[in-house]
Amino acid sequence: MTENRSPLIIDEKACNGCGRCADACVMKVIEMRDRDDGSKVQVAFVARPEDCMFCEACVINCRQIAIMLNAKAGSSMIKSINENMLKPKKSRFSFKFRK
């Protein structure tokens, strides 16, 4: 069983193809594509998962409740962000104390 690392889970059966999620995503993570069944209605899909900021704009704007955040992908991404933020950084300033 492979682990789903996509930041979003999109229920294609619930998606009505309105595109509100794609319009709401400032990072352009979500795009619209044709459905696999050949119908003319489009469906949302995660085009650029690495750009997702977990802002939930797509989730909030989906009236069909077809999009959810993937907690497993989110927790691993947040962990890597935290690790990078906690790395010691070189100071641009040097302080010398006088006696």
PDB file of N, CA and C in Angstrom:
ATOM      1  N   MET A   1       0.851  -1.182   0.000  1.00  0.00           N
ATOM      2  CA  MET A   1       0.000   0.000   0.000  1.00  0.00           C
ATOM      3  C   MET A   1       0.894   1.242   0.000  1.00  0.00           C
ATOM      4  N   THR A   2       0.658   2.127  -0.955  1.00  0.00           N
ATOM      5  CA  THR A   2       1.467   3.343  -1.043  1.00  0.00           C
ATOM      6  C   THR A   2       0.813   4.444  -0.234  1.00  0.00           C
ATOM      7  N   GLU A   3       1.657   5.284   0.332  1.00  0.00           N
ATOM      8  CA  GLU A   3       1.163   6.368   1.165  1.00  0.00           C
ATOM      9  C   GLU A   3       0.831   7.568   0.285  1.00  0.00           C
ATOM     10  N   ASN A   4      -0.312   8.175   0.494  1.00  0.00           N
ATOM     11  CA  ASN A   4      -0.722   9.332  -0.289  1.00  0.00           C
ATOM     12  C   ASN A   4      -0.050  10.575   0.278  1.00  0.00           C
ATOM     13  N   ARG A   5       0.835  11.192  -0.493  1.00  0.00           N
ATOM     14  CA  ARG A   5       1.545  12.383  -0.052  1.00  0.00           C
ATOM     15  C   ARG A   5       0.948  13.659  -0.639  1.00  0.00           C
ATOM     16  N   SER A   6      -0.184  13.551  -1.290  1.00  0.00           N
ATOM     17  CA  SER A   6      -0.838  14.742  -1.816  1.00  0.00           C
ATOM     18  C   SER A   6      -1.398  15.547  -0.642  1.00  0.00           C
ATOM     19  N   PRO A   7      -1.232  16.874  -0.659  1.00  0.00           N
ATOM     20  CA  PRO A   7      -1.728  17.680   0.456  1.00  0.00           C
ATOM     21  C   PRO A   7      -3.256  17.742   0.517  1.00  0.00           C
ATOM     22  N   LEU A   8      -3.902  17.414  -0.592  1.00  0.00           N
ATOM     23  CA  LEU A   8      -5.360  17.496  -0.663  1.00  0.00           C
ATOM     24  C   LEU A   8      -5.948  16.178  -1.117  1.00  0.00           C
ATOM     25  N   ILE A   9      -7.117  15.877  -0.602  1.00  0.00           N
ATOM     26  CA  ILE A   9      -7.877  14.713  -1.060  1.00  0.00           C
ATOM     27  C   ILE A   9      -9.120  15.254  -1.741  1.00  0.00           C
ATOM     28  N   ILE A  10      -9.275  14.941  -3.025  1.00  0.00           N
ATOM     29  CA  ILE A  10     -10.417  15.435  -3.803  1.00  0.00           C
ATOM     30  C   ILE A  10     -11.312  14.259  -4.166  1.00  0.00           C
ATOM     31  N   ASP A  11     -12.573  14.351  -3.771  1.00  0.00           N
ATOM     32  CA  ASP A  11     -13.569  13.340  -4.086  1.00  0.00           C
ATOM     33  C   ASP A  11     -14.139  13.669  -5.463  1.00  0.00           C
ATOM     34  N   GLU A  12     -13.692  12.935  -6.472  1.00  0.00           N
ATOM     35  CA  GLU A  12     -14.108  13.231  -7.851  1.00  0.00           C
ATOM     36  C   GLU A  12     -15.600  13.000  -8.071  1.00  0.00           C
ATOM     37  N   LYS A  13     -16.201  12.110  -7.302  1.00  0.00           N
ATOM     38  CA  LYS A  13     -17.638  11.861  -7.439  1.00  0.00           C
ATOM     39  C   LYS A  13     -18.451  13.040  -6.916  1.00  0.00           C
ATOM     40  N   ALA A  14     -17.954  13.683  -5.863  1.00  0.00           N
ATOM     41  CA  ALA A  14     -18.665  14.822  -5.278  1.00  0.00           C
ATOM     42  C   ALA A  14     -18.384  16.128  -6.042  1.00  0.00           C
ATOM     43  N   CYS A  15     -17.251  16.210  -6.722  1.00  0.00           N
ATOM     44  CA  CYS A  15     -16.870  17.435  -7.436  1.00  0.00           C
ATOM     45  C   CYS A  15     -17.810  17.669  -8.616  1.00  0.00           C
ATOM     46  N   ASN A  16     -18.350  18.893  -8.697  1.00  0.00           N
ATOM     47  CA  ASN A  16     -19.247  19.221  -9.810  1.00  0.00           C
ATOM     48  C   ASN A  16     -18.543  20.023 -10.907  1.00  0.00           C
ATOM     49  N   GLY A  17     -17.248  20.274 -10.745  1.00  0.00           N
ATOM     50  CA  GLY A  17     -16.475  20.941 -11.792  1.00  0.00           C
ATOM     51  C   GLY A  17     -16.683  22.437 -11.890  1.00  0.00           C
ATOM     52  N   CYS A  18     -17.123  23.070 -10.813  1.00  0.00           N
ATOM     53  CA  CYS A  18     -17.405  24.515 -10.868  1.00  0.00           C
ATOM     54  C   CYS A  18     -16.127  25.354 -10.966  1.00  0.00           C
ATOM     55  N   GLY A  19     -15.009  24.846 -10.438  1.00  0.00           N
ATOM     56  CA  GLY A  19     -13.741  25.554 -10.522  1.00  0.00           C
ATOM     57  C   GLY A  19     -13.494  26.589  -9.453  1.00  0.00           C
ATOM     58  N   ARG A  20     -14.386  26.676  -8.471  1.00  0.00           N
ATOM     59  CA  ARG A  20     -14.199  27.659  -7.387  1.00  0.00           C
ATOM     60  C   ARG A  20     -12.919  27.383  -6.600  1.00  0.00           C
ATOM     61  N   CYS A  21     -12.589  26.124  -6.433  1.00  0.00           N
ATOM     62  CA  CYS A  21     -11.365  25.767  -5.694  1.00  0.00           C
ATOM     63  C   CYS A  21     -10.123  26.211  -6.451  1.00  0.00           C
ATOM     64  N   ALA A  22     -10.105  25.998  -7.745  1.00  0.00           N
ATOM     65  CA  ALA A  22      -8.954  26.396  -8.567  1.00  0.00           C
ATOM     66  C   ALA A  22      -8.811  27.916  -8.588  1.00  0.00           C
ATOM     67  N   ASP A  23      -9.928  28.620  -8.649  1.00  0.00           N
ATOM     68  CA  ASP A  23      -9.889  30.089  -8.629  1.00  0.00           C
ATOM     69  C   ASP A  23      -9.407  30.619  -7.281  1.00  0.00           C
ATOM     70  N   ALA A  24      -9.749  29.927  -6.206  1.00  0.00           N
ATOM     71  CA  ALA A  24      -9.398  30.389  -4.862  1.00  0.00           C
ATOM     72  C   ALA A  24      -7.934  30.127  -4.524  1.00  0.00           C
ATOM     73  N   CYS A  25      -7.312  29.185  -5.195  1.00  0.00           N
ATOM     74  CA  CYS A  25      -5.941  28.794  -4.863  1.00  0.00           C
ATOM     75  C   CYS A  25      -4.941  29.779  -5.468  1.00  0.00           C
ATOM     76  N   VAL A  26      -4.315  30.576  -4.604  1.00  0.00           N
ATOM     77  CA  VAL A  26      -3.351  31.579  -5.081  1.00  0.00           C
ATOM     78  C   VAL A  26      -2.050  30.934  -5.545  1.00  0.00           C
ATOM     79  N   MET A  27      -1.760  29.730  -5.083  1.00  0.00           N
ATOM     80  CA  MET A  27      -0.537  29.029  -5.482  1.00  0.00           C
ATOM     81  C   MET A  27      -0.744  28.162  -6.727  1.00  0.00           C
ATOM     82  N   LYS A  28      -1.965  28.128  -7.232  1.00  0.00           N
ATOM     83  CA  LYS A  28      -2.319  27.343  -8.430  1.00  0.00           C
ATOM     84  C   LYS A  28      -2.002  25.856  -8.262  1.00  0.00           C
ATOM     85  N   VAL A  29      -2.264  25.348  -7.070  1.00  0.00           N
ATOM     86  CA  VAL A  29      -2.054  23.936  -6.780  1.00  0.00           C
ATOM     87  C   VAL A  29      -3.125  23.097  -7.476  1.00  0.00           C
ATOM     88  N   ILE A  30      -4.350  23.621  -7.528  1.00  0.00           N
ATOM     89  CA  ILE A  30      -5.478  22.892  -8.113  1.00  0.00           C
ATOM     90  C   ILE A  30      -5.751  23.405  -9.520  1.00  0.00           C
ATOM     91  N   GLU A  31      -5.960  22.464 -10.425  1.00  0.00           N
ATOM     92  CA  GLU A  31      -6.366  22.782 -11.795  1.00  0.00           C
ATOM     93  C   GLU A  31      -7.567  21.910 -12.146  1.00  0.00           C
ATOM     94  N   MET A  32      -8.185  22.231 -13.250  1.00  0.00           N
ATOM     95  CA  MET A  32      -9.336  21.458 -13.704  1.00  0.00           C
ATOM     96  C   MET A  32      -8.923  20.601 -14.898  1.00  0.00           C
ATOM     97  N   ARG A  33      -9.483  19.391 -14.981  1.00  0.00           N
ATOM     98  CA  ARG A  33      -9.225  18.502 -16.112  1.00  0.00           C
ATOM     99  C   ARG A  33     -10.520  17.789 -16.478  1.00  0.00           C
ATOM    100  N   ASP A  34     -10.527  17.164 -17.650  1.00  0.00           N
ATOM    101  CA  ASP A  34     -11.696  16.397 -18.071  1.00  0.00           C
ATOM    102  C   ASP A  34     -11.823  15.142 -17.219  1.00  0.00           C
ATOM    103  N   ARG A  35     -13.056  14.749 -16.985  1.00  0.00           N
ATOM    104  CA  ARG A  35     -13.308  13.536 -16.205  1.00  0.00           C
ATOM    105  C   ARG A  35     -12.869  12.301 -17.004  1.00  0.00           C
ATOM    106  N   ASP A  36     -12.536  11.249 -16.280  1.00  0.00           N
ATOM    107  CA  ASP A  36     -12.113   9.997 -16.912  1.00  0.00           C
ATOM    108  C   ASP A  36     -13.254   9.288 -17.637  1.00  0.00           C
ATOM    109  N   ASP A  37     -14.490   9.557 -17.235  1.00  0.00           N
ATOM    110  CA  ASP A  37     -15.633   8.854 -17.832  1.00  0.00           C
ATOM    111  C   ASP A  37     -16.062   9.429 -19.177  1.00  0.00           C
ATOM    112  N   GLY A  38     -15.392  10.487 -19.651  1.00  0.00           N
ATOM    113  CA  GLY A  38     -15.692  11.052 -20.965  1.00  0.00           C
ATOM    114  C   GLY A  38     -16.776  12.112 -20.970  1.00  0.00           C
ATOM    115  N   SER A  39     -17.353  12.428 -19.819  1.00  0.00           N
ATOM    116  CA  SER A  39     -18.379  13.466 -19.790  1.00  0.00           C
ATOM    117  C   SER A  39     -17.736  14.841 -19.970  1.00  0.00           C
ATOM    118  N   LYS A  40     -18.546  15.812 -20.322  1.00  0.00           N
ATOM    119  CA  LYS A  40     -18.033  17.158 -20.592  1.00  0.00           C
ATOM    120  C   LYS A  40     -17.723  17.951 -19.325  1.00  0.00           C
ATOM    121  N   VAL A  41     -18.214  17.483 -18.189  1.00  0.00           N
ATOM    122  CA  VAL A  41     -17.989  18.166 -16.922  1.00  0.00           C
ATOM    123  C   VAL A  41     -16.543  17.917 -16.486  1.00  0.00           C
ATOM    124  N   GLN A  42     -15.888  18.977 -16.030  1.00  0.00           N
ATOM    125  CA  GLN A  42     -14.513  18.827 -15.561  1.00  0.00           C
ATOM    126  C   GLN A  42     -14.477  18.479 -14.080  1.00  0.00           C
ATOM    127  N   VAL A  43     -13.292  18.110 -13.622  1.00  0.00           N
ATOM    128  CA  VAL A  43     -13.091  17.742 -12.232  1.00  0.00           C
ATOM    129  C   VAL A  43     -11.787  18.378 -11.754  1.00  0.00           C
ATOM    130  N   ALA A  44     -11.731  18.727 -10.457  1.00  0.00           N
ATOM    131  CA  ALA A  44     -10.528  19.325  -9.884  1.00  0.00           C
ATOM    132  C   ALA A  44      -9.492  18.236  -9.631  1.00  0.00           C
ATOM    133  N   PHE A  45      -8.203  18.604  -9.774  1.00  0.00           N
ATOM    134  CA  PHE A  45      -7.128  17.689  -9.425  1.00  0.00           C
ATOM    135  C   PHE A  45      -5.929  18.479  -8.915  1.00  0.00           C
ATOM    136  N   VAL A  46      -5.083  17.826  -8.155  1.00  0.00           N
ATOM    137  CA  VAL A  46      -3.911  18.467  -7.571  1.00  0.00           C
ATOM    138  C   VAL A  46      -2.785  18.433  -8.600  1.00  0.00           C
ATOM    139  N   ALA A  47      -2.479  19.598  -9.172  1.00  0.00           N
ATOM    140  CA  ALA A  47      -1.465  19.684 -10.221  1.00  0.00           C
ATOM    141  C   ALA A  47      -0.060  19.896  -9.661  1.00  0.00           C
ATOM    142  N   ARG A  48       0.052  20.707  -8.605  1.00  0.00           N
ATOM    143  CA  ARG A  48       1.355  21.024  -8.016  1.00  0.00           C
ATOM    144  C   ARG A  48       1.302  20.866  -6.495  1.00  0.00           C
ATOM    145  N   PRO A  49       1.360  19.630  -6.002  1.00  0.00           N
ATOM    146  CA  PRO A  49       1.226  19.395  -4.563  1.00  0.00           C
ATOM    147  C   PRO A  49       2.332  20.038  -3.732  1.00  0.00           C
ATOM    148  N   GLU A  50       3.513  20.170  -4.295  1.00  0.00           N
ATOM    149  CA  GLU A  50       4.637  20.730  -3.540  1.00  0.00           C
ATOM    150  C   GLU A  50       4.469  22.219  -3.237  1.00  0.00           C
ATOM    151  N   ASP A  51       3.556  22.906  -3.952  1.00  0.00           N
ATOM    152  CA  ASP A  51       3.334  24.337  -3.736  1.00  0.00           C
ATOM    153  C   ASP A  51       2.241  24.638  -2.718  1.00  0.00           C
ATOM    154  N   CYS A  52       1.549  23.602  -2.236  1.00  0.00           N
ATOM    155  CA  CYS A  52       0.427  23.811  -1.308  1.00  0.00           C
ATOM    156  C   CYS A  52       0.915  24.370   0.033  1.00  0.00           C
ATOM    157  N   MET A  53       0.231  25.405   0.520  1.00  0.00           N
ATOM    158  CA  MET A  53       0.561  26.041   1.793  1.00  0.00           C
ATOM    159  C   MET A  53      -0.425  25.658   2.898  1.00  0.00           C
ATOM    160  N   PHE A  54      -1.356  24.760   2.607  1.00  0.00           N
ATOM    161  CA  PHE A  54      -2.366  24.305   3.577  1.00  0.00           C
ATOM    162  C   PHE A  54      -3.194  25.483   4.116  1.00  0.00           C
ATOM    163  N   CYS A  55      -3.513  26.430   3.239  1.00  0.00           N
ATOM    164  CA  CYS A  55      -4.271  27.614   3.664  1.00  0.00           C
ATOM    165  C   CYS A  55      -5.768  27.339   3.753  1.00  0.00           C
ATOM    166  N   GLU A  56      -6.227  26.257   3.153  1.00  0.00           N
ATOM    167  CA  GLU A  56      -7.628  25.824   3.157  1.00  0.00           C
ATOM    168  C   GLU A  56      -8.556  26.689   2.304  1.00  0.00           C
ATOM    169  N   ALA A  57      -8.027  27.532   1.443  1.00  0.00           N
ATOM    170  CA  ALA A  57      -8.879  28.352   0.582  1.00  0.00           C
ATOM    171  C   ALA A  57      -9.745  27.473  -0.324  1.00  0.00           C
ATOM    172  N   CYS A  58      -9.174  26.400  -0.831  1.00  0.00           N
ATOM    173  CA  CYS A  58      -9.928  25.496  -1.704  1.00  0.00           C
ATOM    174  C   CYS A  58     -11.031  24.781  -0.927  1.00  0.00           C
ATOM    175  N   VAL A  59     -10.716  24.350   0.280  1.00  0.00           N
ATOM    176  CA  VAL A  59     -11.691  23.644   1.123  1.00  0.00           C
ATOM    177  C   VAL A  59     -12.862  24.566   1.460  1.00  0.00           C
ATOM    178  N   ILE A  60     -12.562  25.798   1.819  1.00  0.00           N
ATOM    179  CA  ILE A  60     -13.585  26.774   2.193  1.00  0.00           C
ATOM    180  C   ILE A  60     -14.488  27.124   1.016  1.00  0.00           C
ATOM    181  N   ASN A  61     -13.905  27.217  -0.187  1.00  0.00           N
ATOM    182  CA  ASN A  61     -14.671  27.628  -1.362  1.00  0.00           C
ATOM    183  C   ASN A  61     -15.410  26.496  -2.057  1.00  0.00           C
ATOM    184  N   CYS A  62     -15.173  25.253  -1.657  1.00  0.00           N
ATOM    185  CA  CYS A  62     -15.861  24.118  -2.278  1.00  0.00           C
ATOM    186  C   CYS A  62     -17.237  23.938  -1.653  1.00  0.00           C
ATOM    187  N   ARG A  63     -18.266  24.234  -2.418  1.00  0.00           N
ATOM    188  CA  ARG A  63     -19.643  24.110  -1.915  1.00  0.00           C
ATOM    189  C   ARG A  63     -20.123  22.663  -1.882  1.00  0.00           C
ATOM    190  N   GLN A  64     -19.414  21.785  -2.597  1.00  0.00           N
ATOM    191  CA  GLN A  64     -19.806  20.373  -2.647  1.00  0.00           C
ATOM    192  C   GLN A  64     -19.138  19.541  -1.547  1.00  0.00           C
ATOM    193  N   ILE A  65     -18.267  20.179  -0.776  1.00  0.00           N
ATOM    194  CA  ILE A  65     -17.487  19.503   0.266  1.00  0.00           C
ATOM    195  C   ILE A  65     -16.735  18.311  -0.342  1.00  0.00           C
ATOM    196  N   ALA A  66     -16.086  18.564  -1.482  1.00  0.00           N
ATOM    197  CA  ALA A  66     -15.365  17.522  -2.205  1.00  0.00           C
ATOM    198  C   ALA A  66     -13.866  17.536  -1.921  1.00  0.00           C
ATOM    199  N   ILE A  67     -13.382  18.520  -1.154  1.00  0.00           N
ATOM    200  CA  ILE A  67     -11.955  18.645  -0.897  1.00  0.00           C
ATOM    201  C   ILE A  67     -11.690  18.613   0.604  1.00  0.00           C
ATOM    202  N   MET A  68     -10.682  17.822   0.976  1.00  0.00           N
ATOM    203  CA  MET A  68     -10.243  17.762   2.366  1.00  0.00           C
ATOM    204  C   MET A  68      -8.728  17.869   2.387  1.00  0.00           C
ATOM    205  N   LEU A  69      -8.193  18.388   3.491  1.00  0.00           N
ATOM    206  CA  LEU A  69      -6.744  18.390   3.671  1.00  0.00           C
ATOM    207  C   LEU A  69      -6.300  16.993   4.078  1.00  0.00           C
ATOM    208  N   ASN A  70      -5.172  16.561   3.565  1.00  0.00           N
ATOM    209  CA  ASN A  70      -4.602  15.266   3.923  1.00  0.00           C
ATOM    210  C   ASN A  70      -3.716  15.468   5.140  1.00  0.00           C
ATOM    211  N   ALA A  71      -4.158  15.005   6.279  1.00  0.00           N
ATOM    212  CA  ALA A  71      -3.437  15.229   7.537  1.00  0.00           C
ATOM    213  C   ALA A  71      -2.052  14.603   7.525  1.00  0.00           C
ATOM    214  N   LYS A  72      -1.897  13.442   6.897  1.00  0.00           N
ATOM    215  CA  LYS A  72      -0.588  12.785   6.857  1.00  0.00           C
ATOM    216  C   LYS A  72       0.417  13.617   6.061  1.00  0.00           C
ATOM    217  N   ALA A  73       0.008  14.117   4.920  1.00  0.00           N
ATOM    218  CA  ALA A  73       0.912  14.942   4.117  1.00  0.00           C
ATOM    219  C   ALA A  73       1.195  16.247   4.831  1.00  0.00           C
ATOM    220  N   GLY A  74       0.188  16.806   5.468  1.00  0.00           N
ATOM    221  CA  GLY A  74       0.355  18.071   6.175  1.00  0.00           C
ATOM    222  C   GLY A  74       1.308  17.966   7.334  1.00  0.00           C
ATOM    223  N   SER A  75       1.201  16.886   8.096  1.00  0.00           N
ATOM    224  CA  SER A  75       2.065  16.752   9.262  1.00  0.00           C
ATOM    225  C   SER A  75       3.520  16.577   8.859  1.00  0.00           C
ATOM    226  N   SER A  76       3.778  15.849   7.783  1.00  0.00           N
ATOM    227  CA  SER A  76       5.172  15.685   7.344  1.00  0.00           C
ATOM    228  C   SER A  76       5.718  16.986   6.785  1.00  0.00           C
ATOM    229  N   MET A  77       4.878  17.741   6.075  1.00  0.00           N
ATOM    230  CA  MET A  77       5.335  19.014   5.524  1.00  0.00           C
ATOM    231  C   MET A  77       5.589  20.014   6.652  1.00  0.00           C
ATOM    232  N   ILE A  78       4.700  20.062   7.622  1.00  0.00           N
ATOM    233  CA  ILE A  78       4.870  20.987   8.747  1.00  0.00           C
ATOM    234  C   ILE A  78       6.123  20.612   9.540  1.00  0.00           C
ATOM    235  N   LYS A  79       6.377  19.319   9.685  1.00  0.00           N
ATOM    236  CA  LYS A  79       7.581  18.880  10.393  1.00  0.00           C
ATOM    237  C   LYS A  79       8.834  19.371   9.679  1.00  0.00           C
ATOM    238  N   SER A  80       8.889  19.250   8.355  1.00  0.00           N
ATOM    239  CA  SER A  80      10.075  19.699   7.621  1.00  0.00           C
ATOM    240  C   SER A  80      10.223  21.213   7.677  1.00  0.00           C
ATOM    241  N   ILE A  81       9.116  21.938   7.654  1.00  0.00           N
ATOM    242  CA  ILE A  81       9.171  23.397   7.769  1.00  0.00           C
ATOM    243  C   ILE A  81       9.717  23.781   9.142  1.00  0.00           C
ATOM    244  N   ASN A  82       9.223  23.136  10.192  1.00  0.00           N
ATOM    245  CA  ASN A  82       9.688  23.422  11.550  1.00  0.00           C
ATOM    246  C   ASN A  82      11.173  23.117  11.705  1.00  0.00           C
ATOM    247  N   GLU A  83      11.625  22.003  11.140  1.00  0.00           N
ATOM    248  CA  GLU A  83      13.035  21.645  11.240  1.00  0.00           C
ATOM    249  C   GLU A  83      13.916  22.698  10.570  1.00  0.00           C
ATOM    250  N   ASN A  84      13.476  23.192   9.427  1.00  0.00           N
ATOM    251  CA  ASN A  84      14.251  24.217   8.729  1.00  0.00           C
ATOM    252  C   ASN A  84      14.253  25.537   9.493  1.00  0.00           C
ATOM    253  N   MET A  85      13.149  25.846  10.137  1.00  0.00           N
ATOM    254  CA  MET A  85      13.059  27.102  10.875  1.00  0.00           C
ATOM    255  C   MET A  85      13.901  27.060  12.151  1.00  0.00           C
ATOM    256  N   LEU A  86      14.077  25.867  12.723  1.00  0.00           N
ATOM    257  CA  LEU A  86      14.789  25.747  13.985  1.00  0.00           C
ATOM    258  C   LEU A  86      16.295  25.580  13.819  1.00  0.00           C
ATOM    259  N   LYS A  87      16.767  25.464  12.582  1.00  0.00           N
ATOM    260  CA  LYS A  87      18.212  25.350  12.369  1.00  0.00           C
ATOM    261  C   LYS A  87      18.882  26.647  12.802  1.00  0.00           C
ATOM    262  N   PRO A  88      20.031  26.534  13.482  1.00  0.00           N
ATOM    263  CA  PRO A  88      20.724  27.764  13.885  1.00  0.00           C
ATOM    264  C   PRO A  88      21.217  28.528  12.662  1.00  0.00           C
ATOM    265  N   LYS A  89      21.071  29.824  12.727  1.00  0.00           N
ATOM    266  CA  LYS A  89      21.481  30.680  11.619  1.00  0.00           C
ATOM    267  C   LYS A  89      22.633  31.556  12.065  1.00  0.00           C
ATOM    268  N   LYS A  90      23.469  31.875  11.121  1.00  0.00           N
ATOM    269  CA  LYS A  90      24.570  32.774  11.427  1.00  0.00           C
ATOM    270  C   LYS A  90      24.023  34.183  11.589  1.00  0.00           C
ATOM    271  N   SER A  91      24.509  34.845  12.582  1.00  0.00           N
ATOM    272  CA  SER A  91      24.081  36.215  12.827  1.00  0.00           C
ATOM    273  C   SER A  91      24.845  37.160  11.909  1.00  0.00           C
ATOM    274  N   ARG A  92      24.156  38.158  11.408  1.00  0.00           N
ATOM    275  CA  ARG A  92      24.821  39.161  10.575  1.00  0.00           C
ATOM    276  C   ARG A  92      25.573  40.165  11.433  1.00  0.00           C
ATOM    277  N   PHE A  93      25.312  40.153  12.713  1.00  0.00           N
ATOM    278  CA  PHE A  93      25.915  41.130  13.615  1.00  0.00           C
ATOM    279  C   PHE A  93      26.834  40.428  14.605  1.00  0.00           C
ATOM    280  N   SER A  94      27.892  41.083  14.952  1.00  0.00           N
ATOM    281  CA  SER A  94      28.743  40.533  16.008  1.00  0.00           C
ATOM    282  C   SER A  94      28.787  41.557  17.143  1.00  0.00           C
ATOM    283  N   PHE A  95      28.625  41.039  18.315  1.00  0.00           N
ATOM    284  CA  PHE A  95      28.596  41.920  19.478  1.00  0.00           C
ATOM    285  C   PHE A  95      29.848  41.694  20.299  1.00  0.00           C
ATOM    286  N   LYS A  96      30.482  42.755  20.679  1.00  0.00           N
ATOM    287  CA  LYS A  96      31.648  42.674  21.556  1.00  0.00           C
ATOM    288  C   LYS A  96      31.325  43.446  22.829  1.00  0.00           C
ATOM    289  N   PHE A  97      31.507  42.762  23.909  1.00  0.00           N
ATOM    290  CA  PHE A  97      31.218  43.407  25.185  1.00  0.00           C
ATOM    291  C   PHE A  97      32.501  44.020  25.766  1.00  0.00           C
ATOM    292  N   ARG A  98      32.371  45.217  26.245  1.00  0.00           N
ATOM    293  CA  ARG A  98      33.520  45.882  26.857  1.00  0.00           C
ATOM    294  C   ARG A  98      33.535  45.599  28.347  1.00  0.00           C
ATOM    295  N   LYS A  99      34.720  45.520  28.876  1.00  0.00           N
ATOM    296  CA  LYS A  99      34.866  45.296  30.325  1.00  0.00           C
ATOM    297  C   LYS A  99      34.965  46.578  31.085  1.00  0.00           C
TER     298      LYS A  99
END
